[in-house]
Protein backbone atom coordinates (compact mmCIF):
# COMPACT_ATOMS: atom_id res chain seq x y z
CA MET A 1 92.82 106.17 89.35
CA VAL A 2 92.86 104.79 85.32
CA GLU A 3 93.44 101.05 85.81
CA HIS A 4 96.78 100.34 83.77
CA ASP A 5 96.53 98.34 80.51
CA ALA A 6 99.32 95.74 81.27
CA LEU A 7 97.41 94.79 85.00
CA ARG A 8 94.23 94.83 83.41
CA ALA A 9 95.51 92.41 80.78
CA THR A 10 97.11 90.22 82.90
CA ARG A 11 94.48 90.26 85.61
CA ASP A 12 91.70 89.19 82.44
CA ALA A 13 93.95 86.48 81.34
CA TYR A 14 94.53 85.13 84.61
CA ASP A 15 90.73 84.89 85.24
CA ALA A 16 90.49 82.96 82.39
CA ALA A 17 92.71 80.74 83.15
CA ALA A 18 92.48 80.14 86.56
CA VAL A 19 91.00 76.65 87.15
CA GLN A 20 93.71 75.45 84.40
CA TYR A 21 96.26 77.06 86.25
CA ALA A 22 95.21 75.68 89.93
CA GLN A 23 95.14 71.80 88.22
CA LEU A 24 98.63 72.44 86.70
CA PHE A 25 100.48 74.00 89.81
CA THR A 26 98.52 73.48 92.94
CA ASP A 27 100.85 70.51 93.73
CA SER A 28 104.39 71.79 91.90
CA LEU A 29 105.77 72.22 95.05
CA ARG A 30 105.71 68.68 95.69
CA ASP A 31 108.46 67.61 93.16
CA ALA A 32 110.87 70.99 93.79
CA PRO A 33 112.99 70.26 96.84
CA LEU A 34 115.46 73.43 95.56
CA ASP A 35 112.18 75.62 95.78
CA ARG A 36 111.11 73.99 99.25
CA ALA A 37 114.41 74.19 100.74
CA MET A 38 114.34 78.26 99.97
CA LEU A 39 110.75 78.53 100.97
CA GLY A 40 112.18 76.86 104.42
CA ALA A 41 115.16 79.09 105.14
CA PHE A 42 112.82 82.21 104.25
CA ALA A 43 110.27 80.94 106.89
CA GLU A 44 112.97 80.53 109.37
CA TYR A 45 113.98 84.28 108.90
CA VAL A 46 110.10 85.23 109.08
CA GLY A 47 109.54 83.37 111.70
CA ALA A 48 112.05 85.22 113.80
CA ALA A 49 110.91 88.47 112.84
CA GLY A 50 107.25 87.81 114.18
CA GLY A 51 105.81 85.42 111.40
CA ARG A 52 103.49 87.61 109.73
CA VAL A 53 104.29 87.07 105.96
CA ALA A 54 102.74 88.22 102.32
CA ASP A 55 102.42 86.19 99.61
CA LEU A 56 101.84 88.52 97.03
CA GLY A 57 100.75 87.09 93.34
CA CYS A 58 99.58 84.05 95.44
CA GLY A 59 97.53 82.53 92.83
CA PRO A 60 95.24 79.84 93.93
CA GLY A 61 96.82 80.06 96.97
CA HIS A 62 99.12 76.58 97.51
CA VAL A 63 102.36 78.69 98.27
CA THR A 64 100.51 80.65 100.94
CA ALA A 65 99.20 77.51 102.52
CA HIS A 66 102.90 75.82 102.40
CA LEU A 67 103.90 79.42 104.30
CA ALA A 68 101.35 78.52 106.97
CA GLY A 69 102.05 74.95 107.20
CA LEU A 70 105.71 75.90 108.40
CA GLY A 71 104.00 77.91 111.12
CA LEU A 72 103.95 81.65 110.03
CA GLU A 73 100.94 84.13 109.84
CA ALA A 74 100.43 83.84 106.00
CA PHE A 75 98.21 85.49 103.88
CA GLY A 76 97.98 86.12 100.02
CA VAL A 77 97.07 88.67 97.51
CA ASP A 78 96.40 88.74 93.96
CA ALA A 79 95.29 90.97 91.00
CA SER A 80 92.83 87.93 89.92
CA PRO A 81 89.45 87.62 91.50
CA ALA A 82 89.28 84.57 90.07
CA MET A 83 92.53 83.42 91.77
CA ILE A 84 91.43 84.33 95.17
CA GLU A 85 88.07 82.77 94.83
CA LEU A 86 89.60 79.25 94.20
CA ALA A 87 92.25 80.23 97.04
CA ARG A 88 89.42 80.85 99.72
CA THR A 89 87.46 77.70 98.63
CA ALA A 90 90.55 75.81 98.84
CA TRP A 91 92.01 77.27 101.98
CA PRO A 92 88.91 78.92 104.02
CA GLU A 93 91.06 79.20 107.62
CA LEU A 94 93.28 81.58 105.54
CA ARG A 95 93.16 85.22 104.36
CA PHE A 96 93.25 85.95 100.61
CA ASP A 97 92.53 89.51 99.03
CA VAL A 98 92.40 91.07 95.77
CA GLY A 99 94.85 93.71 95.07
CA THR A 100 97.73 95.00 93.26
CA MET A 101 101.24 94.84 94.24
CA ALA A 102 101.88 98.69 93.27
CA ALA A 103 99.32 99.82 96.02
CA LEU A 104 99.09 97.18 98.67
CA ASP A 105 96.23 97.57 101.34
CA ILE A 106 98.94 96.75 103.92
CA PRO A 107 100.48 99.40 106.53
CA ASP A 108 104.15 100.28 106.68
CA GLY A 109 106.57 98.29 108.27
CA THR A 110 103.88 95.34 109.67
CA LEU A 111 105.77 92.32 107.78
CA GLY A 112 108.24 89.91 108.96
CA GLY A 113 108.47 88.66 105.32
CA VAL A 114 107.17 89.22 101.65
CA LEU A 115 107.02 86.43 99.37
CA SER A 116 106.93 87.49 95.39
CA ARG A 117 107.43 83.86 93.59
CA TRP A 118 107.11 84.63 89.82
CA SER A 119 104.58 87.75 90.30
CA VAL A 120 106.69 90.47 88.81
CA ILE A 121 107.34 88.90 85.65
CA HIS A 122 104.41 90.62 84.58
CA THR A 123 105.24 94.23 85.62
CA PRO A 124 106.40 96.28 82.57
CA PRO A 125 110.21 96.67 83.36
CA SER A 126 109.75 100.54 83.74
CA GLU A 127 107.13 100.04 86.63
CA LEU A 128 109.18 97.55 88.73
CA PRO A 129 110.70 100.25 90.96
CA ALA A 130 107.17 101.03 92.35
CA VAL A 131 106.50 97.53 93.27
CA LEU A 132 109.69 97.11 95.03
CA GLY A 133 109.09 100.50 96.75
CA GLU A 134 105.82 98.97 98.07
CA PHE A 135 107.71 95.77 99.48
CA GLN A 136 110.20 97.45 101.13
CA ARG A 137 107.71 99.84 102.49
CA VAL A 138 105.22 97.02 104.05
CA LEU A 139 108.33 94.78 105.56
CA ALA A 140 109.61 95.96 108.94
CA PRO A 141 112.93 96.68 109.21
CA GLY A 142 115.05 93.58 109.18
CA GLY A 143 112.35 92.02 107.32
CA HIS A 144 113.02 89.81 104.44
CA LEU A 145 111.95 89.15 100.78
CA LEU A 146 112.04 86.21 98.78
CA ILE A 147 111.28 86.87 94.92
CA GLY A 148 111.43 84.44 92.19
CA PHE A 149 112.28 85.15 88.86
CA SER A 150 113.09 83.66 85.03
CA ALA A 151 116.77 84.91 84.05
CA THR A 152 117.95 86.95 81.23
CA ASP A 153 120.46 85.11 78.70
CA GLY A 154 123.30 87.17 80.29
CA PRO A 155 124.59 89.75 82.51
CA ASN A 156 124.40 92.70 79.90
CA ARG A 157 120.69 92.09 78.97
CA PRO A 158 118.93 93.70 82.27
CA THR A 159 115.68 92.68 80.83
CA GLN A 160 113.93 90.22 78.34
CA SER A 161 110.43 89.94 77.23
CA PHE A 162 109.30 86.24 76.51
CA ASP A 163 106.07 84.30 75.63
CA HIS A 164 104.48 83.20 78.73
CA ALA A 165 101.47 80.84 78.32
CA VAL A 166 99.09 83.24 80.10
CA ALA A 167 100.33 86.83 79.44
CA LEU A 168 103.06 88.88 78.11
CA ALA A 169 106.13 88.25 80.60
CA HIS A 170 109.71 89.75 81.34
CA ARG A 171 113.17 87.90 82.39
CA TRP A 172 115.25 90.05 84.88
CA SER A 173 119.40 89.93 85.21
CA PRO A 174 119.87 88.47 88.61
CA GLY A 175 122.54 91.15 89.04
CA HIS A 176 120.29 93.80 87.79
CA LEU A 177 117.39 92.94 89.67
CA SER A 178 119.84 92.67 92.64
CA GLY A 179 120.86 96.32 92.02
CA LEU A 180 117.06 97.49 92.31
CA LEU A 181 116.36 95.94 95.46
CA ARG A 182 119.75 97.63 97.01
CA ALA A 183 118.43 101.05 95.62
CA HIS A 184 115.43 100.54 97.89
CA GLY A 185 117.14 99.35 100.96
CA LEU A 186 116.53 95.48 100.30
CA ASN A 187 120.26 93.90 100.50
CA GLU A 188 120.80 90.64 98.71
CA VAL A 189 121.36 88.03 101.55
CA ALA A 190 121.43 84.83 99.34
CA ARG A 191 120.35 83.50 95.76
CA MET A 192 120.08 80.52 94.23
CA VAL A 193 120.05 79.51 90.65
CA ARG A 194 118.31 76.69 89.36
CA GLU A 195 119.34 75.54 85.52
CA PRO A 196 117.05 74.31 83.30
CA GLY A 197 116.27 70.62 83.66
CA PRO A 198 115.54 68.17 80.53
CA GLU A 199 111.86 68.31 80.81
CA ASP A 200 111.64 72.17 81.08
CA ARG A 201 110.48 73.74 78.02
CA ARG A 202 111.88 77.02 78.24
CA ARG A 203 115.64 76.97 78.27
CA PHE A 204 116.59 79.77 80.97
CA GLN A 205 117.33 79.97 84.39
CA GLU A 206 115.22 80.15 87.38
CA VAL A 207 116.36 82.47 90.04
CA HIS A 208 115.40 82.89 93.91
CA LEU A 209 116.89 85.83 95.67
CA LEU A 210 116.80 86.56 99.30
CA ALA A 211 117.19 90.12 100.23
CA ARG A 212 116.83 91.56 103.90
CA LYS A 213 115.10 95.47 104.53
CA GLU A 214 117.97 97.37 106.03
CA GLN A 215 117.90 97.99 109.73
CA GLY A 216 116.39 101.65 110.65
CA LEU A 217 114.93 102.00 107.60
CA SER A 218 111.17 103.32 107.88
CA GLY A 219 108.55 102.17 105.22
CA GLY A 220 108.94 104.36 102.27
CA ALA A 221 112.05 105.77 103.35
CA CYS A 222 113.68 104.54 99.42
CA GLY A 223 111.84 105.60 96.52
CA VAL A 224 112.39 105.40 92.73
CA GLY A 225 114.05 108.43 92.82
CA ASN A 226 116.96 106.59 94.18
CA THR A 227 117.08 103.45 91.73
CA PRO A 228 120.31 103.43 89.78
CA GLU A 229 120.87 104.84 85.98
CA GLY A 230 118.61 102.83 83.64
CA ALA A 231 117.19 101.13 86.38
CA HIS A 232 113.14 99.52 85.27
CA SER A 233 110.20 98.36 87.27
CA ALA A 234 107.13 95.46 86.88
CA THR A 235 103.40 93.52 88.73
CA ARG A 236 101.10 90.63 88.92
């Protein structure tokens, strides 16, 4: 398989920035009570479904470790080998694997939860359906996805590119992304929208969407062909 140019560029950029990124963000949840609250609610749902959760696009592993601290059987996956090496060094008791969200090395229907915190922002919009299909495939029926992303400037703008510090990134309309999830058998349960604070350099909303896989839906039952007209896709 030919490696996708966007994935390769993103991986290489995060490899180069891994140490600085870990220094900046490893303690980021400490001053983020709303994020911790969403992760806590997500953990309760996942715990009731067996407790196994994948943190996809885990970076240096700090959120994977947070989920493990909430009592979940958490493991991390990231495309950047340098990030995975940092995560394994910081939390040797946890599992971290190099991998891509569009081709997960995880059996069908085996997870109670999937976490994707800002990991889809580097996925080209045309490729997001393949990633969401993988999320749906690995979740058990009734399992939950918590996906975090930055919002576009309004509902009439399904996606917008922005100048991310590490690699080209994309914002998503919450309603548009919710529709893409629904087309893949992942129905929205709740969302949290955080307005930019006075200290935030980027002046756009941050969104968490919590979605649940339909009961009775086997892995891979929904595909790109079931996405609504004009739907797009993404990866990190």
